[in-house]
Each structure stands twice: as C-alpha cells, then as structure tokens.
Amino acid sequence: MQKTGSDRREQLFIETCRRHQLKITPQRVAIYRILIQSKQHPTADLVFRAVKNEFPNISFDTVNRTLSTFADIGVVDVVEVFGGPKRFDPDITDHHHLHCVACGRIIDFEYEGYALLEIPKAIATTFKVISRRVVLKGFCDTCTPKQ
C-alpha cells in the first residue's frame, strides 16, 4: 500500500522528534495532525480547541509549549504576525505569505523572484541568513475593497 502525503509528513515528523530526543506521545502526534490538516495557519488556541476533543484533559499551556517545541526543532514555522497571536505553519518549504489586513487570513504563495533577492551587505556581514520569506500586507480576494 502506498503512503499518502500526510502519512509521509507524519513519518518525517516522528523521525525529527526522535533525532531531537523528543518523546512521541499521542498528544504530540494529534497536535501535529491538526496542523497538517488545517487549511489555515492556526493559532495555539485553535489547535487547543481541536485537540481538546480527542484529549479533554490537555491544557492550553501544553499545546502552546508543544507548538513552540515543534518550531524549535523545525517541523513547523512561526508565521509572521502583526499584533495578533502567533500562527503556525506546518509547510516548512520555501514560500511567502500575504497577510490580509481586513480578515487576518494568511495566504501562502510562491514567487521565484523573491528567492533571488539580494541580501544587503550590512545584513550579510552581521548575520547568517538561513532563509528568505517575504510577507505582503494587503487585502485578500474576498476583502479587496470594491472600487
């Protein structure tokens, strides 16, 4: 039987956790599943409310710390936010975001030209840049003001 994309991602998740000596608990796997099944970039609160259905005794603090740990080991990214709660992205491939200032949606997009952006010399000599992600602020297709 061939593995689905979710199965492969879950297997990579488990392997990464093991490399970082992180126990594979049912709660951690459930939290990760919620993330990869989400069509949005969920907050810790959204993940908490979803996982609480399966694990009624889990605390918000546990979910929040777990998400931070996932970011630390590189299985999720923390999405750039503008004054709101942290949002989490299980898609760790190179891509960019449009942040809708009206509804708050964060929309993934790819644009090859952004990968070619030159790092300013002052930054390149001071920091070690490990990834490039552009965040555009604007209005999504639903919220675009009607002209």
Protein backbone atom coordinates (compact mmCIF):
# COMPACT_ATOMS: atom_id res chain seq x y z
CA MET A 1 0.00 0.00 0.00
CA GLN A 2 1.33 3.45 -0.92
CA LYS A 3 1.66 6.09 1.77
CA THR A 4 -0.29 9.32 1.43
CA GLY A 5 1.29 12.76 1.73
CA SER A 6 0.01 13.06 5.30
CA ASP A 7 1.50 9.67 6.19
CA ARG A 8 4.90 10.72 4.81
CA ARG A 9 4.78 14.04 6.64
CA GLU A 10 3.84 12.27 9.87
CA GLN A 11 6.71 9.81 9.42
CA LEU A 12 9.17 12.70 8.86
CA PHE A 13 7.72 14.38 11.95
CA ILE A 14 8.32 11.25 14.03
CA GLU A 15 11.88 10.89 12.71
CA THR A 16 12.63 14.54 13.50
CA CYS A 17 11.25 14.17 17.03
CA ARG A 18 13.43 11.11 17.59
CA ARG A 19 16.53 12.94 16.32
CA HIS A 20 15.83 15.62 18.92
CA GLN A 21 15.15 13.05 21.68
CA LEU A 22 11.53 14.18 21.89
CA LYS A 23 9.06 11.52 23.04
CA ILE A 24 6.40 10.55 20.51
CA THR A 25 3.24 10.93 22.58
CA PRO A 26 -0.33 10.57 21.29
CA GLN A 27 -0.94 14.23 22.22
CA ARG A 28 2.05 15.45 20.18
CA VAL A 29 1.02 13.38 17.18
CA ALA A 30 -2.56 14.69 17.46
CA ILE A 31 -1.33 18.30 17.62
CA TYR A 32 0.83 17.75 14.54
CA ARG A 33 -2.06 16.08 12.66
CA ILE A 34 -4.29 19.06 13.38
CA LEU A 35 -1.62 21.37 11.99
CA ILE A 36 -1.09 19.46 8.75
CA GLN A 37 -4.83 19.04 8.18
CA SER A 38 -5.53 22.73 8.69
CA LYS A 39 -6.16 24.85 5.62
CA GLN A 40 -5.15 27.95 7.56
CA HIS A 41 -2.25 28.99 9.71
CA PRO A 42 -3.80 28.18 13.09
CA THR A 43 -3.15 29.86 16.41
CA ALA A 44 -2.34 27.84 19.52
CA ASP A 45 -5.92 28.47 20.66
CA LEU A 46 -7.41 26.94 17.50
CA VAL A 47 -5.14 23.90 17.83
CA PHE A 48 -6.01 23.62 21.53
CA ARG A 49 -9.77 23.65 20.84
CA ALA A 50 -9.38 20.98 18.16
CA VAL A 51 -7.11 18.66 20.17
CA LYS A 52 -9.28 19.02 23.30
CA ASN A 53 -11.96 16.96 21.52
CA GLU A 54 -9.60 13.99 21.48
CA PHE A 55 -7.76 14.75 24.76
CA PRO A 56 -10.20 16.56 27.07
CA ASN A 57 -7.65 16.90 29.90
CA ILE A 58 -4.95 18.58 27.81
CA SER A 59 -4.12 22.13 28.86
CA PHE A 60 -3.67 25.18 26.67
CA ASP A 61 -0.18 25.57 28.13
CA THR A 62 0.76 22.06 26.98
CA VAL A 63 -0.45 22.78 23.45
CA ASN A 64 1.31 26.16 23.35
CA ARG A 65 4.62 24.73 24.64
CA THR A 66 4.35 21.81 22.21
CA LEU A 67 3.89 24.17 19.26
CA SER A 68 6.92 26.18 20.39
CA THR A 69 8.93 22.96 20.67
CA PHE A 70 7.83 21.96 17.16
CA ALA A 71 9.11 25.33 15.89
CA ASP A 72 12.39 24.87 17.78
CA ILE A 73 13.05 21.50 16.13
CA GLY A 74 11.97 22.72 12.69
CA VAL A 75 8.79 20.77 12.00
CA VAL A 76 6.67 23.97 11.87
CA ASP A 77 7.37 27.62 11.30
CA VAL A 78 6.02 30.51 13.30
CA VAL A 79 4.28 32.79 10.83
CA GLU A 80 4.99 36.48 10.86
CA VAL A 81 2.19 38.24 12.71
CA PHE A 82 1.27 41.87 13.05
CA GLY A 83 -0.03 42.40 16.56
CA GLY A 84 -2.04 39.18 16.81
CA PRO A 85 -1.34 35.80 18.35
CA LYS A 86 1.37 33.57 16.89
CA ARG A 87 0.28 31.49 13.95
CA PHE A 88 1.87 28.20 12.98
CA ASP A 89 2.66 26.82 9.54
CA PRO A 90 3.42 23.13 9.02
CA ASP A 91 4.61 23.88 5.48
CA ILE A 92 8.32 24.43 6.08
CA THR A 93 9.19 24.61 2.39
CA ASP A 94 10.27 27.95 0.94
CA HIS A 95 7.21 30.07 0.31
CA HIS A 96 5.83 33.51 1.07
CA HIS A 97 2.71 34.94 2.69
CA LEU A 98 0.06 37.52 2.01
CA HIS A 99 -1.44 38.76 5.27
CA CYS A 100 -4.94 40.19 4.78
CA VAL A 101 -5.26 43.27 7.00
CA ALA A 102 -9.06 43.04 6.89
CA CYS A 103 -9.88 39.42 7.80
CA GLY A 104 -6.50 38.24 9.12
CA ARG A 105 -6.12 35.35 6.67
CA ILE A 106 -2.59 34.33 5.78
CA ILE A 107 -2.30 33.02 2.26
CA ASP A 108 0.69 31.04 1.00
CA PHE A 109 2.20 31.84 -2.35
CA GLU A 110 5.40 31.15 -4.26
CA TYR A 111 7.34 33.59 -6.36
CA GLU A 112 10.74 32.60 -7.69
CA GLY A 113 11.89 36.22 -7.91
CA TYR A 114 11.84 36.57 -4.13
CA ALA A 115 14.38 33.75 -3.80
CA LEU A 116 16.74 35.89 -5.85
CA LEU A 117 16.54 38.94 -3.57
CA GLU A 118 19.99 40.19 -2.74
CA ILE A 119 20.83 40.29 0.96
CA PRO A 120 22.09 43.79 1.85
CA LYS A 121 25.82 43.78 2.60
CA ALA A 122 25.30 45.22 6.11
CA ILE A 123 22.99 42.30 6.91
CA ALA A 124 25.13 39.63 5.23
CA THR A 125 28.25 40.66 7.16
CA THR A 126 26.45 40.90 10.51
CA PHE A 127 24.04 37.95 10.34
CA LYS A 128 23.92 34.46 8.90
CA VAL A 129 20.75 34.42 6.80
CA ILE A 130 19.25 30.93 6.72
CA SER A 131 16.01 31.58 4.82
CA ARG A 132 14.13 34.25 2.95
CA ARG A 133 10.45 34.83 3.40
CA VAL A 134 8.55 37.81 2.09
CA VAL A 135 5.35 38.92 3.79
CA LEU A 136 2.98 41.13 1.86
CA LYS A 137 0.26 43.03 3.69
CA GLY A 138 -2.88 43.84 1.79
CA PHE A 139 -6.41 42.66 1.09
CA CYS A 140 -7.27 39.10 0.07
CA ASP A 141 -9.58 38.38 -2.85
CA THR A 142 -12.60 38.32 -0.51
CA CYS A 143 -11.80 41.57 1.28
CA THR A 144 -10.49 43.66 -1.60
CA PRO A 145 -12.35 46.96 -1.37
CA LYS A 146 -14.83 47.27 -4.19
CA GLN A 147 -13.87 50.18 -6.46
